[in-house]
């Protein structure tokens, strides 16, 4: 059974940092592309970042230069470092396993097969 568990969310002041982690229970984790998405209540879930098995990464324009996605295959984890946080970054953050590694869009929710339960990030003074 595939399981994803996010952690690391919390309350932080504007300009602060957080590090989110996602522990993934799946066979051959290293062969999967992974993604982070976020969602504000009442709005659609949106793409934040993706990382492929070969280390290629991509980011939403709104977080480029502030967020960094990484993976540790030996521990089957994917992380998201959030720096220079803004109030508009407040959301529930979800990690997800992509259906395919090299094909398909990295930005589309339907391309991701398995999802975690999410972790809340709140940016407020």
PDB file of N, CA and C in Angstrom:
ATOM      1  N   UNK A   1       0.842  -1.191   0.000  1.00  0.00           N
ATOM      2  CA  UNK A   1       0.000   0.000   0.000  1.00  0.00           C
ATOM      3  C   UNK A   1       0.878   1.242   0.000  1.00  0.00           C
ATOM      4  N   UNK A   2       0.572   2.164  -0.875  1.00  0.00           N
ATOM      5  CA  UNK A   2       1.345   3.398  -0.984  1.00  0.00           C
ATOM      6  C   UNK A   2       0.861   4.383   0.080  1.00  0.00           C
ATOM      7  N   UNK A   3       1.835   5.018   0.741  1.00  0.00           N
ATOM      8  CA  UNK A   3       1.485   5.979   1.784  1.00  0.00           C
ATOM      9  C   UNK A   3       2.441   7.161   1.711  1.00  0.00           C
ATOM     10  N   UNK A   4       1.894   8.361   1.836  1.00  0.00           N
ATOM     11  CA  UNK A   4       2.683   9.581   1.875  1.00  0.00           C
ATOM     12  C   UNK A   4       2.299  10.350   3.130  1.00  0.00           C
ATOM     13  N   UNK A   5       3.303  10.775   3.878  1.00  0.00           N
ATOM     14  CA  UNK A   5       3.054  11.508   5.115  1.00  0.00           C
ATOM     15  C   UNK A   5       3.886  12.780   5.119  1.00  0.00           C
ATOM     16  N   UNK A   6       3.186  13.921   5.081  1.00  0.00           N
ATOM     17  CA  UNK A   6       3.873  15.215   5.126  1.00  0.00           C
ATOM     18  C   UNK A   6       4.069  15.667   6.565  1.00  0.00           C
ATOM     19  N   UNK A   7       5.106  16.462   6.766  1.00  0.00           N
ATOM     20  CA  UNK A   7       5.370  17.046   8.079  1.00  0.00           C
ATOM     21  C   UNK A   7       6.124  18.350   7.894  1.00  0.00           C
ATOM     22  N   UNK A   8       6.213  19.127   8.969  1.00  0.00           N
ATOM     23  CA  UNK A   8       7.023  20.337   8.942  1.00  0.00           C
ATOM     24  C   UNK A   8       6.255  21.637   8.819  1.00  0.00           C
ATOM     25  N   UNK A   9       4.945  21.548   8.645  1.00  0.00           N
ATOM     26  CA  UNK A   9       4.165  22.772   8.544  1.00  0.00           C
ATOM     27  C   UNK A   9       4.076  23.491   9.880  1.00  0.00           C
ATOM     28  N   UNK A  10       3.542  24.712   9.833  1.00  0.00           N
ATOM     29  CA  UNK A  10       3.393  25.471  11.065  1.00  0.00           C
ATOM     30  C   UNK A  10       3.107  26.925  10.794  1.00  0.00           C
ATOM     31  N   UNK A  11       3.216  27.718  11.851  1.00  0.00           N
ATOM     32  CA  UNK A  11       2.996  29.166  11.778  1.00  0.00           C
ATOM     33  C   UNK A  11       4.340  29.865  11.728  1.00  0.00           C
ATOM     34  N   UNK A  12       4.510  30.765  10.782  1.00  0.00           N
ATOM     35  CA  UNK A  12       5.775  31.480  10.625  1.00  0.00           C
ATOM     36  C   UNK A  12       5.476  32.924  10.239  1.00  0.00           C
ATOM     37  N   UNK A  13       6.356  33.830  10.633  1.00  0.00           N
ATOM     38  CA  UNK A  13       6.185  35.237  10.282  1.00  0.00           C
ATOM     39  C   UNK A  13       6.606  35.486   8.841  1.00  0.00           C
ATOM     40  N   UNK A  14       6.070  36.515   8.237  1.00  0.00           N
ATOM     41  CA  UNK A  14       6.524  36.875   6.878  1.00  0.00           C
ATOM     42  C   UNK A  14       8.038  37.050   6.840  1.00  0.00           C
ATOM     43  N   UNK A  15       8.641  36.515   5.789  1.00  0.00           N
ATOM     44  CA  UNK A  15      10.089  36.545   5.656  1.00  0.00           C
ATOM     45  C   UNK A  15      10.779  35.348   6.266  1.00  0.00           C
ATOM     46  N   UNK A  16      10.040  34.539   6.996  1.00  0.00           N
ATOM     47  CA  UNK A  16      10.615  33.377   7.651  1.00  0.00           C
ATOM     48  C   UNK A  16      10.735  32.181   6.722  1.00  0.00           C
ATOM     49  N   UNK A  17      11.156  31.056   7.311  1.00  0.00           N
ATOM     50  CA  UNK A  17      11.409  29.836   6.544  1.00  0.00           C
ATOM     51  C   UNK A  17      10.776  28.633   7.227  1.00  0.00           C
ATOM     52  N   UNK A  18      10.467  27.644   6.422  1.00  0.00           N
ATOM     53  CA  UNK A  18      10.014  26.339   6.897  1.00  0.00           C
ATOM     54  C   UNK A  18      10.586  25.286   5.970  1.00  0.00           C
ATOM     55  N   UNK A  19      10.691  24.072   6.500  1.00  0.00           N
ATOM     56  CA  UNK A  19      11.099  22.944   5.665  1.00  0.00           C
ATOM     57  C   UNK A  19      10.053  21.852   5.803  1.00  0.00           C
ATOM     58  N   UNK A  20       9.417  21.528   4.695  1.00  0.00           N
ATOM     59  CA  UNK A  20       8.428  20.463   4.667  1.00  0.00           C
ATOM     60  C   UNK A  20       9.089  19.169   4.209  1.00  0.00           C
ATOM     61  N   UNK A  21       8.657  18.072   4.790  1.00  0.00           N
ATOM     62  CA  UNK A  21       9.147  16.766   4.389  1.00  0.00           C
ATOM     63  C   UNK A  21       7.974  15.855   4.073  1.00  0.00           C
ATOM     64  N   UNK A  22       8.226  14.922   3.191  1.00  0.00           N
ATOM     65  CA  UNK A  22       7.203  13.945   2.819  1.00  0.00           C
ATOM     66  C   UNK A  22       7.869  12.574   2.793  1.00  0.00           C
ATOM     67  N   UNK A  23       7.441  11.703   3.678  1.00  0.00           N
ATOM     68  CA  UNK A  23       7.939  10.335   3.723  1.00  0.00           C
ATOM     69  C   UNK A  23       7.024   9.465   2.870  1.00  0.00           C
ATOM     70  N   UNK A  24       7.627   8.743   1.936  1.00  0.00           N
ATOM     71  CA  UNK A  24       6.849   7.988   0.955  1.00  0.00           C
ATOM     72  C   UNK A  24       7.112   6.497   1.094  1.00  0.00           C
ATOM     73  N   UNK A  25       6.054   5.736   1.230  1.00  0.00           N
ATOM     74  CA  UNK A  25       6.156   4.278   1.267  1.00  0.00           C
ATOM     75  C   UNK A  25       5.690   3.756  -0.081  1.00  0.00           C
ATOM     76  N   UNK A  26       6.641   3.470  -0.949  1.00  0.00           N
ATOM     77  CA  UNK A  26       6.350   2.957  -2.292  1.00  0.00           C
ATOM     78  C   UNK A  26       7.583   2.217  -2.781  1.00  0.00           C
ATOM     79  N   UNK A  27       7.355   1.159  -3.492  1.00  0.00           N
ATOM     80  CA  UNK A  27       8.485   0.415  -4.042  1.00  0.00           C
ATOM     81  C   UNK A  27       9.173   1.249  -5.111  1.00  0.00           C
ATOM     82  N   UNK A  28      10.458   1.150  -5.184  1.00  0.00           N
ATOM     83  CA  UNK A  28      11.281   1.868  -6.162  1.00  0.00           C
ATOM     84  C   UNK A  28      10.981   3.362  -6.177  1.00  0.00           C
ATOM     85  N   UNK A  29      11.010   3.973  -5.015  1.00  0.00           N
ATOM     86  CA  UNK A  29      10.756   5.413  -4.888  1.00  0.00           C
ATOM     87  C   UNK A  29      11.631   6.206  -5.840  1.00  0.00           C
ATOM     88  N   UNK A  30      12.865   5.794  -6.000  1.00  0.00           N
ATOM     89  CA  UNK A  30      13.824   6.562  -6.795  1.00  0.00           C
ATOM     90  C   UNK A  30      13.423   6.696  -8.256  1.00  0.00           C
ATOM     91  N   UNK A  31      12.532   5.846  -8.736  1.00  0.00           N
ATOM     92  CA  UNK A  31      12.148   5.890 -10.149  1.00  0.00           C
ATOM     93  C   UNK A  31      10.965   6.818 -10.424  1.00  0.00           C
ATOM     94  N   UNK A  32      10.399   7.412  -9.377  1.00  0.00           N
ATOM     95  CA  UNK A  32       9.212   8.253  -9.533  1.00  0.00           C
ATOM     96  C   UNK A  32       9.545   9.733  -9.480  1.00  0.00           C
ATOM     97  N   UNK A  33       8.838  10.497 -10.304  1.00  0.00           N
ATOM     98  CA  UNK A  33       8.831  11.946 -10.138  1.00  0.00           C
ATOM     99  C   UNK A  33       7.864  12.284  -9.007  1.00  0.00           C
ATOM    100  N   UNK A  34       8.192  13.355  -8.288  1.00  0.00           N
ATOM    101  CA  UNK A  34       7.392  13.770  -7.145  1.00  0.00           C
ATOM    102  C   UNK A  34       6.993  15.233  -7.303  1.00  0.00           C
ATOM    103  N   UNK A  35       5.894  15.600  -6.700  1.00  0.00           N
ATOM    104  CA  UNK A  35       5.452  16.984  -6.777  1.00  0.00           C
ATOM    105  C   UNK A  35       4.939  17.493  -5.449  1.00  0.00           C
ATOM    106  N   UNK A  36       4.973  18.808  -5.306  1.00  0.00           N
ATOM    107  CA  UNK A  36       4.328  19.507  -4.187  1.00  0.00           C
ATOM    108  C   UNK A  36       3.259  20.426  -4.778  1.00  0.00           C
ATOM    109  N   UNK A  37       2.100  20.393  -4.155  1.00  0.00           N
ATOM    110  CA  UNK A  37       0.994  21.274  -4.518  1.00  0.00           C
ATOM    111  C   UNK A  37       0.515  21.968  -3.253  1.00  0.00           C
ATOM    112  N   UNK A  38      -0.300  23.001  -3.419  1.00  0.00           N
ATOM    113  CA  UNK A  38      -0.886  23.659  -2.255  1.00  0.00           C
ATOM    114  C   UNK A  38      -2.315  24.084  -2.571  1.00  0.00           C
ATOM    115  N   UNK A  39      -3.086  24.237  -1.498  1.00  0.00           N
ATOM    116  CA  UNK A  39      -4.488  24.583  -1.675  1.00  0.00           C
ATOM    117  C   UNK A  39      -4.983  25.462  -0.538  1.00  0.00           C
ATOM    118  N   UNK A  40      -5.666  26.503  -0.926  1.00  0.00           N
ATOM    119  CA  UNK A  40      -6.343  27.382   0.013  1.00  0.00           C
ATOM    120  C   UNK A  40      -7.824  27.027  -0.019  1.00  0.00           C
ATOM    121  N   UNK A  41      -8.493  26.960   1.122  1.00  0.00           N
ATOM    122  CA  UNK A  41      -9.930  26.625   1.124  1.00  0.00           C
ATOM    123  C   UNK A  41     -10.711  27.500   0.168  1.00  0.00           C
ATOM    124  N   UNK A  42     -11.531  26.848  -0.656  1.00  0.00           N
ATOM    125  CA  UNK A  42     -12.346  27.580  -1.619  1.00  0.00           C
ATOM    126  C   UNK A  42     -11.660  27.819  -2.953  1.00  0.00           C
ATOM    127  N   UNK A  43     -10.386  27.427  -3.042  1.00  0.00           N
ATOM    128  CA  UNK A  43      -9.651  27.603  -4.294  1.00  0.00           C
ATOM    129  C   UNK A  43      -9.146  26.258  -4.787  1.00  0.00           C
ATOM    130  N   UNK A  44      -8.760  26.221  -6.059  1.00  0.00           N
ATOM    131  CA  UNK A  44      -8.241  24.988  -6.636  1.00  0.00           C
ATOM    132  C   UNK A  44      -6.833  24.703  -6.116  1.00  0.00           C
ATOM    133  N   UNK A  45      -6.515  23.415  -6.047  1.00  0.00           N
ATOM    134  CA  UNK A  45      -5.164  23.022  -5.698  1.00  0.00           C
ATOM    135  C   UNK A  45      -4.226  23.454  -6.819  1.00  0.00           C
ATOM    136  N   UNK A  46      -3.069  24.011  -6.449  1.00  0.00           N
ATOM    137  CA  UNK A  46      -2.149  24.525  -7.466  1.00  0.00           C
ATOM    138  C   UNK A  46      -0.763  23.917  -7.333  1.00  0.00           C
ATOM    139  N   UNK A  47      -0.102  23.812  -8.459  1.00  0.00           N
ATOM    140  CA  UNK A  47       1.256  23.275  -8.528  1.00  0.00           C
ATOM    141  C   UNK A  47       2.236  24.215  -7.838  1.00  0.00           C
ATOM    142  N   UNK A  48       3.181  23.626  -7.117  1.00  0.00           N
ATOM    143  CA  UNK A  48       4.241  24.399  -6.475  1.00  0.00           C
ATOM    144  C   UNK A  48       5.609  24.019  -7.050  1.00  0.00           C
ATOM    145  N   UNK A  49       5.929  22.727  -7.030  1.00  0.00           N
ATOM    146  CA  UNK A  49       7.254  22.292  -7.469  1.00  0.00           C
ATOM    147  C   UNK A  49       7.209  20.813  -7.815  1.00  0.00           C
ATOM    148  N   UNK A  50       8.151  20.405  -8.664  1.00  0.00           N
ATOM    149  CA  UNK A  50       8.279  19.000  -9.040  1.00  0.00           C
ATOM    150  C   UNK A  50       9.738  18.632  -9.150  1.00  0.00           C
ATOM    151  N   UNK A  51      10.021  17.363  -8.908  1.00  0.00           N
ATOM    152  CA  UNK A  51      11.381  16.850  -9.068  1.00  0.00           C
ATOM    153  C   UNK A  51      11.303  15.482  -9.707  1.00  0.00           C
ATOM    154  N   UNK A  52      12.131  15.286 -10.734  1.00  0.00           N
ATOM    155  CA  UNK A  52      12.137  14.022 -11.459  1.00  0.00           C
ATOM    156  C   UNK A  52      13.166  13.076 -10.838  1.00  0.00           C
ATOM    157  N   UNK A  53      13.196  11.856 -11.294  1.00  0.00           N
ATOM    158  CA  UNK A  53      14.139  10.890 -10.740  1.00  0.00           C
ATOM    159  C   UNK A  53      15.587  11.279 -11.042  1.00  0.00           C
ATOM    160  N   UNK A  54      15.807  11.996 -12.130  1.00  0.00           N
ATOM    161  CA  UNK A  54      17.175  12.405 -12.490  1.00  0.00           C
ATOM    162  C   UNK A  54      17.579  13.733 -11.850  1.00  0.00           C
ATOM    163  N   UNK A  55      16.697  14.281 -10.997  1.00  0.00           N
ATOM    164  CA  UNK A  55      17.041  15.498 -10.286  1.00  0.00           C
ATOM    165  C   UNK A  55      16.548  16.784 -10.937  1.00  0.00           C
ATOM    166  N   UNK A  56      16.012  16.658 -12.124  1.00  0.00           N
ATOM    167  CA  UNK A  56      15.430  17.842 -12.779  1.00  0.00           C
ATOM    168  C   UNK A  56      14.323  18.398 -11.911  1.00  0.00           C
ATOM    169  N   UNK A  57      14.258  19.729 -11.822  1.00  0.00           N
ATOM    170  CA  UNK A  57      13.230  20.370 -11.002  1.00  0.00           C
ATOM    171  C   UNK A  57      12.532  21.483 -11.782  1.00  0.00           C
ATOM    172  N   UNK A  58      11.348  21.821 -11.330  1.00  0.00           N
ATOM    173  CA  UNK A  58      10.637  22.966 -11.889  1.00  0.00           C
ATOM    174  C   UNK A  58       9.738  23.540 -10.800  1.00  0.00           C
ATOM    175  N   UNK A  59       9.419  24.826 -10.957  1.00  0.00           N
ATOM    176  CA  UNK A  59       8.688  25.542  -9.926  1.00  0.00           C
ATOM    177  C   UNK A  59       7.609  26.432 -10.538  1.00  0.00           C
ATOM    178  N   UNK A  60       6.586  26.689  -9.751  1.00  0.00           N
ATOM    179  CA  UNK A  60       5.617  27.713 -10.128  1.00  0.00           C
ATOM    180  C   UNK A  60       6.327  29.070 -10.086  1.00  0.00           C
ATOM    181  N   UNK A  61       5.930  29.958 -10.966  1.00  0.00           N
ATOM    182  CA  UNK A  61       6.562  31.280 -11.016  1.00  0.00           C
ATOM    183  C   UNK A  61       6.459  31.996  -9.667  1.00  0.00           C
ATOM    184  N   UNK A  62       5.375  31.761  -8.951  1.00  0.00           N
ATOM    185  CA  UNK A  62       5.132  32.470  -7.698  1.00  0.00           C
ATOM    186  C   UNK A  62       6.112  32.079  -6.587  1.00  0.00           C
ATOM    187  N   UNK A  63       6.789  30.942  -6.741  1.00  0.00           N
ATOM    188  CA  UNK A  63       7.704  30.486  -5.688  1.00  0.00           C
ATOM    189  C   UNK A  63       9.143  30.371  -6.175  1.00  0.00           C
ATOM    190  N   UNK A  64       9.363  30.581  -7.453  1.00  0.00           N
ATOM    191  CA  UNK A  64      10.701  30.436  -8.023  1.00  0.00           C
ATOM    192  C   UNK A  64      11.675  31.385  -7.328  1.00  0.00           C
ATOM    193  N   UNK A  65      12.813  30.844  -6.928  1.00  0.00           N
ATOM    194  CA  UNK A  65      13.811  31.647  -6.231  1.00  0.00           C
ATOM    195  C   UNK A  65      13.625  31.685  -4.723  1.00  0.00           C
ATOM    196  N   UNK A  66      12.486  31.208  -4.249  1.00  0.00           N
ATOM    197  CA  UNK A  66      12.225  31.200  -2.792  1.00  0.00           C
ATOM    198  C   UNK A  66      12.093  29.779  -2.248  1.00  0.00           C
ATOM    199  N   UNK A  67      11.551  28.866  -3.041  1.00  0.00           N
ATOM    200  CA  UNK A  67      11.341  27.485  -2.610  1.00  0.00           C
ATOM    201  C   UNK A  67      12.330  26.574  -3.320  1.00  0.00           C
ATOM    202  N   UNK A  68      12.726  25.498  -2.640  1.00  0.00           N
ATOM    203  CA  UNK A  68      13.620  24.513  -3.235  1.00  0.00           C
ATOM    204  C   UNK A  68      13.108  23.115  -2.931  1.00  0.00           C
ATOM    205  N   UNK A  69      12.912  22.331  -3.981  1.00  0.00           N
ATOM    206  CA  UNK A  69      12.495  20.944  -3.814  1.00  0.00           C
ATOM    207  C   UNK A  69      13.731  20.051  -3.908  1.00  0.00           C
ATOM    208  N   UNK A  70      13.749  19.001  -3.094  1.00  0.00           N
ATOM    209  CA  UNK A  70      14.860  18.061  -3.126  1.00  0.00           C
ATOM    210  C   UNK A  70      14.337  16.678  -2.739  1.00  0.00           C
ATOM    211  N   UNK A  71      15.161  15.682  -2.981  1.00  0.00           N
ATOM    212  CA  UNK A  71      14.780  14.318  -2.624  1.00  0.00           C
ATOM    213  C   UNK A  71      15.964  13.554  -2.073  1.00  0.00           C
ATOM    214  N   UNK A  72      15.683  12.624  -1.193  1.00  0.00           N
ATOM    215  CA  UNK A  72      16.692  11.712  -0.663  1.00  0.00           C
ATOM    216  C   UNK A  72      16.193  10.298  -0.914  1.00  0.00           C
ATOM    217  N   UNK A  73      16.684   9.690  -1.965  1.00  0.00           N
ATOM    218  CA  UNK A  73      16.165   8.376  -2.364  1.00  0.00           C
ATOM    219  C   UNK A  73      16.427   7.308  -1.310  1.00  0.00           C
ATOM    220  N   UNK A  74      17.558   7.405  -0.642  1.00  0.00           N
ATOM    221  CA  UNK A  74      17.897   6.393   0.362  1.00  0.00           C
ATOM    222  C   UNK A  74      16.881   6.366   1.508  1.00  0.00           C
ATOM    223  N   UNK A  75      16.221   7.485   1.719  1.00  0.00           N
ATOM    224  CA  UNK A  75      15.227   7.577   2.792  1.00  0.00           C
ATOM    225  C   UNK A  75      13.800   7.682   2.249  1.00  0.00           C
ATOM    226  N   UNK A  76      13.651   7.611   0.938  1.00  0.00           N
ATOM    227  CA  UNK A  76      12.327   7.726   0.301  1.00  0.00           C
ATOM    228  C   UNK A  76      11.576   8.964   0.777  1.00  0.00           C
ATOM    229  N   UNK A  77      12.287  10.074   0.735  1.00  0.00           N
ATOM    230  CA  UNK A  77      11.667  11.326   1.160  1.00  0.00           C
ATOM    231  C   UNK A  77      11.856  12.408   0.100  1.00  0.00           C
ATOM    232  N   UNK A  78      10.917  13.314   0.080  1.00  0.00           N
ATOM    233  CA  UNK A  78      11.018  14.502  -0.752  1.00  0.00           C
ATOM    234  C   UNK A  78      10.749  15.700   0.161  1.00  0.00           C
ATOM    235  N   UNK A  79      11.535  16.740  -0.017  1.00  0.00           N
ATOM    236  CA  UNK A  79      11.443  17.909   0.867  1.00  0.00           C
ATOM    237  C   UNK A  79      11.162  19.168   0.065  1.00  0.00           C
ATOM    238  N   UNK A  80      10.649  20.147   0.759  1.00  0.00           N
ATOM    239  CA  UNK A  80      10.409  21.454   0.160  1.00  0.00           C
ATOM    240  C   UNK A  80      10.871  22.504   1.155  1.00  0.00           C
ATOM    241  N   UNK A  81      11.938  23.218   0.799  1.00  0.00           N
ATOM    242  CA  UNK A  81      12.443  24.305   1.627  1.00  0.00           C
ATOM    243  C   UNK A  81      11.733  25.586   1.210  1.00  0.00           C
ATOM    244  N   UNK A  82      11.083  26.236   2.166  1.00  0.00           N
ATOM    245  CA  UNK A  82      10.323  27.442   1.893  1.00  0.00           C
ATOM    246  C   UNK A  82      11.036  28.620   2.564  1.00  0.00           C
ATOM    247  N   UNK A  83      11.557  29.537   1.774  1.00  0.00           N
ATOM    248  CA  UNK A  83      12.235  30.720   2.285  1.00  0.00           C
ATOM    249  C   UNK A  83      11.486  31.982   1.875  1.00  0.00           C
ATOM    250  N   UNK A  84      11.785  33.060   2.564  1.00  0.00           N
ATOM    251  CA  UNK A  84      11.184  34.362   2.260  1.00  0.00           C
ATOM    252  C   UNK A  84       9.666  34.244   2.132  1.00  0.00           C
ATOM    253  N   UNK A  85       9.073  33.612   3.109  1.00  0.00           N
ATOM    254  CA  UNK A  85       7.641  33.326   3.041  1.00  0.00           C
ATOM    255  C   UNK A  85       6.801  34.591   3.083  1.00  0.00           C
ATOM    256  N   UNK A  86       5.693  34.536   2.362  1.00  0.00           N
ATOM    257  CA  UNK A  86       4.754  35.642   2.262  1.00  0.00           C
ATOM    258  C   UNK A  86       3.389  35.184   2.760  1.00  0.00           C
ATOM    259  N   UNK A  87       2.556  36.094   3.188  1.00  0.00           N
ATOM    260  CA  UNK A  87       1.205  35.701   3.628  1.00  0.00           C
ATOM    261  C   UNK A  87       0.444  34.913   2.553  1.00  0.00           C
ATOM    262  N   UNK A  88       0.685  35.212   1.308  1.00  0.00           N
ATOM    263  CA  UNK A  88      -0.014  34.509   0.225  1.00  0.00           C
ATOM    264  C   UNK A  88       0.479  33.077   0.025  1.00  0.00           C
ATOM    265  N   UNK A  89       1.512  32.682   0.745  1.00  0.00           N
ATOM    266  CA  UNK A  89       1.959  31.288   0.721  1.00  0.00           C
ATOM    267  C   UNK A  89       1.155  30.433   1.693  1.00  0.00           C
ATOM    268  N   UNK A  90       0.314  31.048   2.487  1.00  0.00           N
ATOM    269  CA  UNK A  90      -0.518  30.302   3.428  1.00  0.00           C
ATOM    270  C   UNK A  90      -1.428  29.344   2.679  1.00  0.00           C
ATOM    271  N   UNK A  91      -1.349  28.062   3.044  1.00  0.00           N
ATOM    272  CA  UNK A  91      -2.121  27.026   2.364  1.00  0.00           C
ATOM    273  C   UNK A  91      -1.846  25.682   3.031  1.00  0.00           C
ATOM    274  N   UNK A  92      -2.587  24.688   2.613  1.00  0.00           N
ATOM    275  CA  UNK A  92      -2.250  23.305   2.950  1.00  0.00           C
ATOM    276  C   UNK A  92      -1.361  22.798   1.825  1.00  0.00           C
ATOM    277  N   UNK A  93      -0.232  22.242   2.196  1.00  0.00           N
ATOM    278  CA  UNK A  93       0.749  21.751   1.222  1.00  0.00           C
ATOM    279  C   UNK A  93       0.674  20.232   1.156  1.00  0.00           C
ATOM    280  N   UNK A  94       0.609  19.716  -0.081  1.00  0.00           N
ATOM    281  CA  UNK A  94       0.483  18.292  -0.324  1.00  0.00           C
ATOM    282  C   UNK A  94       1.651  17.802  -1.173  1.00  0.00           C
ATOM    283  N   UNK A  95       2.160  16.623  -0.848  1.00  0.00           N
ATOM    284  CA  UNK A  95       3.106  15.977  -1.755  1.00  0.00           C
ATOM    285  C   UNK A  95       2.364  14.880  -2.501  1.00  0.00           C
ATOM    286  N   UNK A  96       2.900  14.525  -3.662  1.00  0.00           N
ATOM    287  CA  UNK A  96       2.224  13.560  -4.519  1.00  0.00           C
ATOM    288  C   UNK A  96       3.229  12.809  -5.374  1.00  0.00           C
ATOM    289  N   UNK A  97       2.868  11.585  -5.713  1.00  0.00           N
ATOM    290  CA  UNK A  97       3.658  10.734  -6.603  1.00  0.00           C
ATOM    291  C   UNK A  97       3.115  10.875  -8.017  1.00  0.00           C
ATOM    292  N   UNK A  98       3.998  11.186  -8.957  1.00  0.00           N
ATOM    293  CA  UNK A  98       3.552  11.368 -10.337  1.00  0.00           C
ATOM    294  C   UNK A  98       3.367  10.013 -11.019  1.00  0.00           C
ATOM    295  N   UNK A  99       2.392   9.962 -11.891  1.00  0.00           N
ATOM    296  CA  UNK A  99       2.055   8.725 -12.600  1.00  0.00           C
ATOM    297  C   UNK A  99       3.214   8.216 -13.452  1.00  0.00           C
ATOM    298  N   UNK A 100       3.872   9.121 -14.145  1.00  0.00           N
ATOM    299  CA  UNK A 100       5.020   8.770 -14.976  1.00  0.00           C
ATOM    300  C   UNK A 100       6.172   9.704 -14.647  1.00  0.00           C
ATOM    301  N   UNK A 101       7.371   9.267 -14.948  1.00  0.00           N
ATOM    302  CA  UNK A 101       8.543  10.061 -14.578  1.00  0.00           C
ATOM    303  C   UNK A 101       8.858  11.117 -15.626  1.00  0.00           C
ATOM    304  N   UNK A 102       8.971  10.687 -16.896  1.00  0.00           N
ATOM    305  CA  UNK A 102       9.443  11.592 -17.937  1.00  0.00           C
ATOM    306  C   UNK A 102       8.343  12.144 -18.838  1.00  0.00           C
ATOM    307  N   UNK A 103       7.182  11.535 -18.849  1.00  0.00           N
ATOM    308  CA  UNK A 103       6.139  12.004 -19.759  1.00  0.00           C
ATOM    309  C   UNK A 103       4.997  12.643 -18.979  1.00  0.00           C
ATOM    310  N   UNK A 104       4.173  13.366 -19.681  1.00  0.00           N
ATOM    311  CA  UNK A 104       3.029  14.018 -19.065  1.00  0.00           C
ATOM    312  C   UNK A 104       3.419  15.307 -18.374  1.00  0.00           C
ATOM    313  N   UNK A 105       2.411  16.100 -18.099  1.00  0.00           N
ATOM    314  CA  UNK A 105       2.641  17.395 -17.471  1.00  0.00           C
ATOM    315  C   UNK A 105       3.002  17.230 -15.997  1.00  0.00           C
ATOM    316  N   UNK A 106       3.946  18.040 -15.541  1.00  0.00           N
ATOM    317  CA  UNK A 106       4.313  18.039 -14.128  1.00  0.00           C
ATOM    318  C   UNK A 106       3.428  18.990 -13.337  1.00  0.00           C
ATOM    319  N   UNK A 107       2.573  19.750 -14.040  1.00  0.00           N
ATOM    320  CA  UNK A 107       1.823  20.819 -13.412  1.00  0.00           C
ATOM    321  C   UNK A 107       0.355  20.484 -13.212  1.00  0.00           C
ATOM    322  N   UNK A 108      -0.057  19.310 -13.663  1.00  0.00           N
ATOM    323  CA  UNK A 108      -1.463  18.927 -13.690  1.00  0.00           C
ATOM    324  C   UNK A 108      -1.770  17.917 -12.599  1.00  0.00           C
ATOM    325  N   UNK A 109      -2.799  18.197 -11.811  1.00  0.00           N
ATOM    326  CA  UNK A 109      -3.152  17.338 -10.694  1.00  0.00           C
ATOM    327  C   UNK A 109      -3.439  15.914 -11.134  1.00  0.00           C
ATOM    328  N   UNK A 110      -4.104  15.750 -12.249  1.00  0.00           N
ATOM    329  CA  UNK A 110      -4.504  14.420 -12.711  1.00  0.00           C
ATOM    330  C   UNK A 110      -3.317  13.539 -13.084  1.00  0.00           C
ATOM    331  N   UNK A 111      -2.136  14.115 -13.233  1.00  0.00           N
ATOM    332  CA  UNK A 111      -0.945  13.333 -13.567  1.00  0.00           C
ATOM    333  C   UNK A 111      -0.328  12.677 -12.324  1.00  0.00           C
ATOM    334  N   UNK A 112      -0.876  12.976 -11.171  1.00  0.00           N
ATOM    335  CA  UNK A 112      -0.334  12.446  -9.923  1.00  0.00           C
ATOM    336  C   UNK A 112      -1.288  11.398  -9.347  1.00  0.00           C
ATOM    337  N   UNK A 113      -0.695  10.265  -8.962  1.00  0.00           N
ATOM    338  CA  UNK A 113      -1.499   9.104  -8.600  1.00  0.00           C
ATOM    339  C   UNK A 113      -1.811   9.046  -7.109  1.00  0.00           C
ATOM    340  N   UNK A 114      -0.808   9.313  -6.305  1.00  0.00           N
ATOM    341  CA  UNK A 114      -0.963   9.160  -4.857  1.00  0.00           C
ATOM    342  C   UNK A 114      -0.678  10.485  -4.161  1.00  0.00           C
ATOM    343  N   UNK A 115      -1.420  10.751  -3.093  1.00  0.00           N
ATOM    344  CA  UNK A 115      -1.332  12.031  -2.382  1.00  0.00           C
ATOM    345  C   UNK A 115      -1.229  11.805  -0.876  1.00  0.00           C
ATOM    346  N   UNK A 116      -0.547  12.737  -0.239  1.00  0.00           N
ATOM    347  CA  UNK A 116      -0.520  12.739   1.213  1.00  0.00           C
ATOM    348  C   UNK A 116      -1.730  13.477   1.763  1.00  0.00           C
ATOM    349  N   UNK A 117      -1.774  13.573   3.077  1.00  0.00           N
ATOM    350  CA  UNK A 117      -2.928  14.194   3.742  1.00  0.00           C
ATOM    351  C   UNK A 117      -2.776  15.704   3.879  1.00  0.00           C
ATOM    352  N   UNK A 118      -1.571  16.202   3.626  1.00  0.00           N
ATOM    353  CA  UNK A 118      -1.327  17.636   3.660  1.00  0.00           C
ATOM    354  C   UNK A 118      -0.805  18.129   4.991  1.00  0.00           C
ATOM    355  N   UNK A 119      -0.093  19.249   4.936  1.00  0.00           N
ATOM    356  CA  UNK A 119       0.395  19.911   6.138  1.00  0.00           C
ATOM    357  C   UNK A 119       0.142  21.412   5.999  1.00  0.00           C
ATOM    358  N   UNK A 120      -0.358  22.022   7.067  1.00  0.00           N
ATOM    359  CA  UNK A 120      -0.760  23.427   7.022  1.00  0.00           C
ATOM    360  C   UNK A 120       0.444  24.336   7.195  1.00  0.00           C
ATOM    361  N   UNK A 121       0.556  25.308   6.311  1.00  0.00           N
ATOM    362  CA  UNK A 121       1.550  26.375   6.430  1.00  0.00           C
ATOM    363  C   UNK A 121       0.790  27.694   6.553  1.00  0.00           C
ATOM    364  N   UNK A 122       1.064  28.421   7.628  1.00  0.00           N
ATOM    365  CA  UNK A 122       0.418  29.701   7.855  1.00  0.00           C
ATOM    366  C   UNK A 122       1.492  30.769   8.015  1.00  0.00           C
ATOM    367  N   UNK A 123       1.421  31.790   7.171  1.00  0.00           N
ATOM    368  CA  UNK A 123       2.385  32.886   7.223  1.00  0.00           C
ATOM    369  C   UNK A 123       1.644  34.129   7.694  1.00  0.00           C
ATOM    370  N   UNK A 124       1.961  34.559   8.897  1.00  0.00           N
ATOM    371  CA  UNK A 124       1.240  35.683   9.489  1.00  0.00           C
ATOM    372  C   UNK A 124       2.074  36.310  10.592  1.00  0.00           C
ATOM    373  N   UNK A 125       1.919  37.621  10.745  1.00  0.00           N
ATOM    374  CA  UNK A 125       2.589  38.324  11.835  1.00  0.00           C
ATOM    375  C   UNK A 125       1.671  38.426  13.055  1.00  0.00           C
TER     376      UNK A 125
END
